[in-house]
Amino acid sequence: TDKPGFMLASSECQFKAPLSFPGTIKVKSRITEIGNTSFQISHQILDNAEAVVADLKDTLVLFDFSKNTKASISNELREKLNAFR
């Protein structure tokens, strides 16, 4: 395909507390930063009591695979990403 796509550039996880198995978790995610070619998604993992057991941060880059280079985030895509802040 000649359309740019997303590539995971980095991922971080800070564990705060253990989880038990079996159990239920909830994951809350939101976009926290939008740059020229990348954006960050922050996640929180919560346990049954809604306590935060982990904080995560992923950085995704818009990548043009046909040119093997980063691509700029268009205004249209930026507006769509802003809906998830």
C-alpha atoms as a PDB file:
ATOM      1  CA  THR A   1       0.000   0.000   0.000  1.00  0.00           C
ATOM      2  CA  ASP A   2       1.144   3.541  -0.593  1.00  0.00           C
ATOM      3  CA  LYS A   3      -0.698   5.017   2.392  1.00  0.00           C
ATOM      4  CA  PRO A   4       1.315   5.819   5.526  1.00  0.00           C
ATOM      5  CA  GLY A   5       0.666   3.695   8.596  1.00  0.00           C
ATOM      6  CA  PHE A   6       1.591   3.697  12.247  1.00  0.00           C
ATOM      7  CA  MET A   7       4.713   2.149  13.712  1.00  0.00           C
ATOM      8  CA  LEU A   8       5.372   1.649  17.432  1.00  0.00           C
ATOM      9  CA  ALA A   9       8.511   3.648  18.253  1.00  0.00           C
ATOM     10  CA  SER A  10       8.661   3.106  22.018  1.00  0.00           C
ATOM     11  CA  SER A  11       6.719   1.603  24.889  1.00  0.00           C
ATOM     12  CA  GLU A  12       7.161   2.103  28.637  1.00  0.00           C
ATOM     13  CA  CYS A  13       5.453   0.431  31.582  1.00  0.00           C
ATOM     14  CA  GLN A  14       5.720   1.275  35.264  1.00  0.00           C
ATOM     15  CA  PHE A  15       4.181  -1.398  37.465  1.00  0.00           C
ATOM     16  CA  LYS A  16       2.698  -0.064  40.724  1.00  0.00           C
ATOM     17  CA  ALA A  17       1.101  -3.147  42.302  1.00  0.00           C
ATOM     18  CA  PRO A  18       0.640  -6.856  41.573  1.00  0.00           C
ATOM     19  CA  LEU A  19      -2.442  -8.367  39.985  1.00  0.00           C
ATOM     20  CA  SER A  20      -4.023 -11.688  40.928  1.00  0.00           C
ATOM     21  CA  PHE A  21      -5.131 -14.414  38.537  1.00  0.00           C
ATOM     22  CA  PRO A  22      -7.920 -14.929  37.813  1.00  0.00           C
ATOM     23  CA  GLY A  23      -9.080 -11.341  37.975  1.00  0.00           C
ATOM     24  CA  THR A  24     -10.586  -8.526  36.039  1.00  0.00           C
ATOM     25  CA  ILE A  25      -8.787  -5.415  34.865  1.00  0.00           C
ATOM     26  CA  LYS A  26      -9.837  -2.178  33.242  1.00  0.00           C
ATOM     27  CA  VAL A  27      -7.605  -0.297  30.798  1.00  0.00           C
ATOM     28  CA  LYS A  28      -8.065   3.444  30.314  1.00  0.00           C
ATOM     29  CA  SER A  29      -6.294   5.003  27.321  1.00  0.00           C
ATOM     30  CA  ARG A  30      -6.021   8.517  25.936  1.00  0.00           C
ATOM     31  CA  ILE A  31      -3.798  10.459  23.589  1.00  0.00           C
ATOM     32  CA  THR A  32      -1.605  12.790  25.603  1.00  0.00           C
ATOM     33  CA  GLU A  33       0.664  14.391  22.985  1.00  0.00           C
ATOM     34  CA  ILE A  34       0.529  14.963  19.246  1.00  0.00           C
ATOM     35  CA  GLY A  35       3.682  16.031  17.437  1.00  0.00           C
ATOM     36  CA  ASN A  36       4.537  16.603  13.770  1.00  0.00           C
ATOM     37  CA  THR A  37       5.123  12.916  12.928  1.00  0.00           C
ATOM     38  CA  SER A  38       4.219  11.060  16.130  1.00  0.00           C
ATOM     39  CA  PHE A  39       1.794  10.901  19.033  1.00  0.00           C
ATOM     40  CA  GLN A  40       1.715   9.383  22.519  1.00  0.00           C
ATOM     41  CA  ILE A  41      -0.965   7.231  24.077  1.00  0.00           C
ATOM     42  CA  SER A  42      -1.039   6.924  27.866  1.00  0.00           C
ATOM     43  CA  HIS A  43      -2.707   3.916  29.471  1.00  0.00           C
ATOM     44  CA  GLN A  44      -3.661   3.045  33.035  1.00  0.00           C
ATOM     45  CA  ILE A  45      -4.399  -0.501  34.121  1.00  0.00           C
ATOM     46  CA  LEU A  46      -6.787  -0.711  37.063  1.00  0.00           C
ATOM     47  CA  ASP A  47      -7.611  -3.703  39.258  1.00  0.00           C
ATOM     48  CA  ASN A  48     -11.010  -4.886  40.555  1.00  0.00           C
ATOM     49  CA  ALA A  49     -10.986  -2.119  43.200  1.00  0.00           C
ATOM     50  CA  GLU A  50     -10.232   0.509  40.488  1.00  0.00           C
ATOM     51  CA  ALA A  51      -6.718   1.047  41.897  1.00  0.00           C
ATOM     52  CA  VAL A  52      -4.014   1.882  39.344  1.00  0.00           C
ATOM     53  CA  VAL A  53      -1.657  -1.086  39.058  1.00  0.00           C
ATOM     54  CA  ALA A  54       0.343   0.105  36.027  1.00  0.00           C
ATOM     55  CA  ASP A  55       1.011   3.248  33.994  1.00  0.00           C
ATOM     56  CA  LEU A  56       2.034   2.831  30.362  1.00  0.00           C
ATOM     57  CA  LYS A  57       3.097   5.162  27.568  1.00  0.00           C
ATOM     58  CA  ASP A  58       3.380   4.278  23.875  1.00  0.00           C
ATOM     59  CA  THR A  59       4.800   6.485  21.129  1.00  0.00           C
ATOM     60  CA  LEU A  60       3.543   5.814  17.610  1.00  0.00           C
ATOM     61  CA  VAL A  61       5.077   7.306  14.475  1.00  0.00           C
ATOM     62  CA  LEU A  62       3.269   7.884  11.207  1.00  0.00           C
ATOM     63  CA  PHE A  63       5.477   6.066   8.707  1.00  0.00           C
ATOM     64  CA  ASP A  64       5.554   6.063   4.907  1.00  0.00           C
ATOM     65  CA  PHE A  65       6.581   2.473   4.190  1.00  0.00           C
ATOM     66  CA  SER A  66       6.989   3.066   0.447  1.00  0.00           C
ATOM     67  CA  LYS A  67       9.559   5.824   1.112  1.00  0.00           C
ATOM     68  CA  ASN A  68      10.936   4.245   4.314  1.00  0.00           C
ATOM     69  CA  THR A  69      10.619   7.518   6.229  1.00  0.00           C
ATOM     70  CA  LYS A  70       8.436   9.281   8.787  1.00  0.00           C
ATOM     71  CA  ALA A  71       5.384  11.114   7.470  1.00  0.00           C
ATOM     72  CA  SER A  72       3.786  14.325   8.707  1.00  0.00           C
ATOM     73  CA  ILE A  73       0.491  14.131  10.562  1.00  0.00           C
ATOM     74  CA  SER A  74      -2.086  15.965   8.448  1.00  0.00           C
ATOM     75  CA  ASN A  75      -4.545  18.442   9.928  1.00  0.00           C
ATOM     76  CA  GLU A  76      -7.355  15.975   9.198  1.00  0.00           C
ATOM     77  CA  LEU A  77      -5.613  13.177  11.112  1.00  0.00           C
ATOM     78  CA  ARG A  78      -4.683  15.595  13.934  1.00  0.00           C
ATOM     79  CA  GLU A  79      -8.378  16.470  14.362  1.00  0.00           C
ATOM     80  CA  LYS A  80      -9.291  12.773  14.556  1.00  0.00           C
ATOM     81  CA  LEU A  81      -6.529  12.119  17.124  1.00  0.00           C
ATOM     82  CA  ASN A  82      -7.619  15.121  19.203  1.00  0.00           C
ATOM     83  CA  ALA A  83     -10.988  13.416  19.739  1.00  0.00           C
ATOM     84  CA  PHE A  84      -9.180  10.844  21.925  1.00  0.00           C
ATOM     85  CA  ARG A  85      -7.433  13.289  24.264  1.00  0.00           C
END
